[in-house]
Protein backbone atom coordinates (compact mmCIF):
# COMPACT_ATOMS: atom_id res chain seq x y z
CA GLN A 1 -4.64 47.48 80.42
CA VAL A 2 -1.27 46.53 81.73
CA GLN A 3 -0.12 43.00 81.88
CA LEU A 4 2.59 41.92 84.31
CA VAL A 5 4.74 38.75 83.98
CA GLU A 6 7.06 37.76 86.88
CA SER A 7 10.15 35.61 86.54
CA GLY A 8 13.22 34.65 88.44
CA GLY A 9 11.84 32.51 91.22
CA GLY A 10 13.21 29.21 92.16
CA LEU A 11 14.76 27.19 94.91
CA VAL A 12 17.64 28.60 96.84
CA GLN A 13 19.54 27.73 99.99
CA ALA A 14 19.29 30.01 103.08
CA GLY A 15 21.75 32.84 102.80
CA GLY A 16 21.49 32.86 99.04
CA SER A 17 20.25 35.41 96.51
CA LEU A 18 17.72 35.79 93.81
CA ARG A 19 16.54 38.40 91.55
CA LEU A 20 12.91 38.66 90.55
CA THR A 21 11.95 40.42 87.36
CA CYS A 22 8.52 41.90 86.52
CA ALA A 23 7.96 42.78 82.82
CA ALA A 24 5.11 45.13 82.17
CA SER A 25 3.21 45.75 78.86
CA GLY A 26 1.14 48.74 78.00
CA ARG A 27 1.57 52.21 79.54
CA ASP A 28 4.60 52.81 81.81
CA PHE A 29 3.12 55.54 84.13
CA TYR A 30 2.77 53.15 86.99
CA ALA A 31 4.17 52.84 90.53
CA MET A 32 5.01 49.22 91.23
CA GLY A 33 5.11 46.96 94.11
CA TRP A 34 5.99 43.50 95.18
CA PHE A 35 3.92 41.42 97.49
CA ARG A 36 4.21 37.84 98.73
CA GLN A 37 1.91 35.19 100.03
CA ALA A 38 3.15 32.09 102.04
CA PRO A 39 0.99 29.07 102.40
CA GLY A 40 -1.79 29.63 104.92
CA LYS A 41 -0.94 33.31 105.25
CA GLU A 42 -2.31 36.54 103.95
CA ARG A 43 -0.64 38.36 101.19
CA GLU A 44 1.72 40.97 102.58
CA PHE A 45 3.62 43.88 101.23
CA VAL A 46 7.34 43.48 100.45
CA ALA A 47 8.56 46.56 98.63
CA ALA A 48 7.32 49.35 96.38
CA ILE A 49 8.80 52.01 94.08
CA SER A 50 7.45 55.23 92.55
CA TRP A 51 7.17 55.74 88.84
CA GLY A 52 10.32 57.77 88.65
CA GLY A 53 12.22 55.39 90.97
CA VAL A 54 13.02 58.13 93.38
CA ASN A 55 11.04 56.80 96.32
CA THR A 56 11.24 53.18 97.53
CA TYR A 57 9.52 51.54 100.52
CA TYR A 58 10.14 48.25 102.24
CA ALA A 59 8.61 45.98 104.74
CA ASP A 60 10.62 45.80 107.91
CA SER A 61 11.18 42.12 107.39
CA VAL A 62 13.08 42.61 104.24
CA LYS A 63 14.74 46.05 104.87
CA GLY A 64 18.43 45.80 104.31
CA ARG A 65 18.18 42.54 102.36
CA PHE A 66 15.98 43.34 99.48
CA THR A 67 16.31 46.00 96.93
CA ILE A 68 13.63 47.12 94.48
CA SER A 69 14.52 49.02 91.31
CA ARG A 70 13.10 49.72 87.85
CA ASP A 71 14.05 50.50 84.31
CA ASN A 72 11.33 52.35 82.69
CA ALA A 73 12.94 52.18 79.29
CA LYS A 74 12.36 48.40 79.48
CA ASN A 75 9.12 48.55 81.43
CA THR A 76 10.70 46.42 84.02
CA VAL A 77 10.86 46.20 87.73
CA TYR A 78 13.45 44.18 89.79
CA LEU A 79 13.46 42.74 93.20
CA GLN A 80 17.02 41.82 94.29
CA MET A 81 16.77 39.45 97.28
CA SER A 82 19.88 38.64 99.38
CA SER A 83 20.45 36.90 102.62
CA LEU A 84 17.32 34.81 102.09
CA ASN A 85 15.88 32.68 104.82
CA PRO A 86 13.12 30.01 104.95
CA GLU A 87 10.63 32.70 106.14
CA ASP A 88 11.02 34.35 102.77
CA THR A 89 9.45 31.23 101.10
CA ALA A 90 6.23 32.40 99.29
CA VAL A 91 4.68 33.19 95.94
CA TYR A 92 5.81 36.74 95.04
CA TYR A 93 3.58 38.92 93.08
CA CYS A 94 4.24 42.05 91.05
CA ALA A 95 1.53 44.70 91.17
CA ALA A 96 1.06 48.09 89.40
CA ARG A 97 -1.06 51.12 90.15
CA LEU A 98 -1.68 54.03 87.80
CA GLY A 99 0.03 57.06 89.11
CA SER A 100 3.51 57.97 90.37
CA SER A 101 3.18 57.32 94.08
CA ALA A 102 3.83 53.88 95.55
CA TYR A 103 1.95 52.47 98.57
CA SER A 104 2.28 49.46 100.78
CA ASP A 105 -1.51 48.88 100.77
CA SER A 106 -2.33 46.14 98.32
CA THR A 107 -5.78 47.57 97.63
CA GLU A 108 -4.03 50.52 95.98
CA TYR A 109 -2.87 48.26 93.25
CA HIS A 110 -5.03 47.53 90.11
CA HIS A 111 -3.07 45.04 88.18
CA TRP A 112 -1.37 41.90 89.30
CA GLY A 113 0.91 39.30 87.82
CA GLN A 114 0.24 35.63 88.32
CA GLY A 115 3.19 35.18 90.79
CA THR A 116 6.55 33.33 90.92
CA GLN A 117 7.37 30.85 93.51
CA VAL A 118 10.47 31.47 95.76
CA THR A 119 11.53 28.59 98.01
CA VAL A 120 14.29 28.90 100.55
CA SER A 121 15.64 25.83 102.02
CA SER A 122 17.31 25.65 105.37
């Protein structure tokens, strides 16, 4: 059973940057994803990365602004967020799925962190 702990959220002004971190315990053979949920909205896909880090996927809304990466030696996944805008305000969740392939479908992920709040002020 893998446990995921997110950190790095906070309050930032529009145009600013944040880096989210997801620390995973247990086995490291997991593809990882980041999702977010804004108030009154459904959870949505943000980014995903395969176990080896070769393949990455992004939602159109964050492409070119966010970068997902991982360090398997540290069992850690990162989400570097730049050019943030108020529409990026949400709780950001880290997710893991057993296997090497990453997906944008949240139902493919079996393990979830508790989330970290990101608030972007205008």
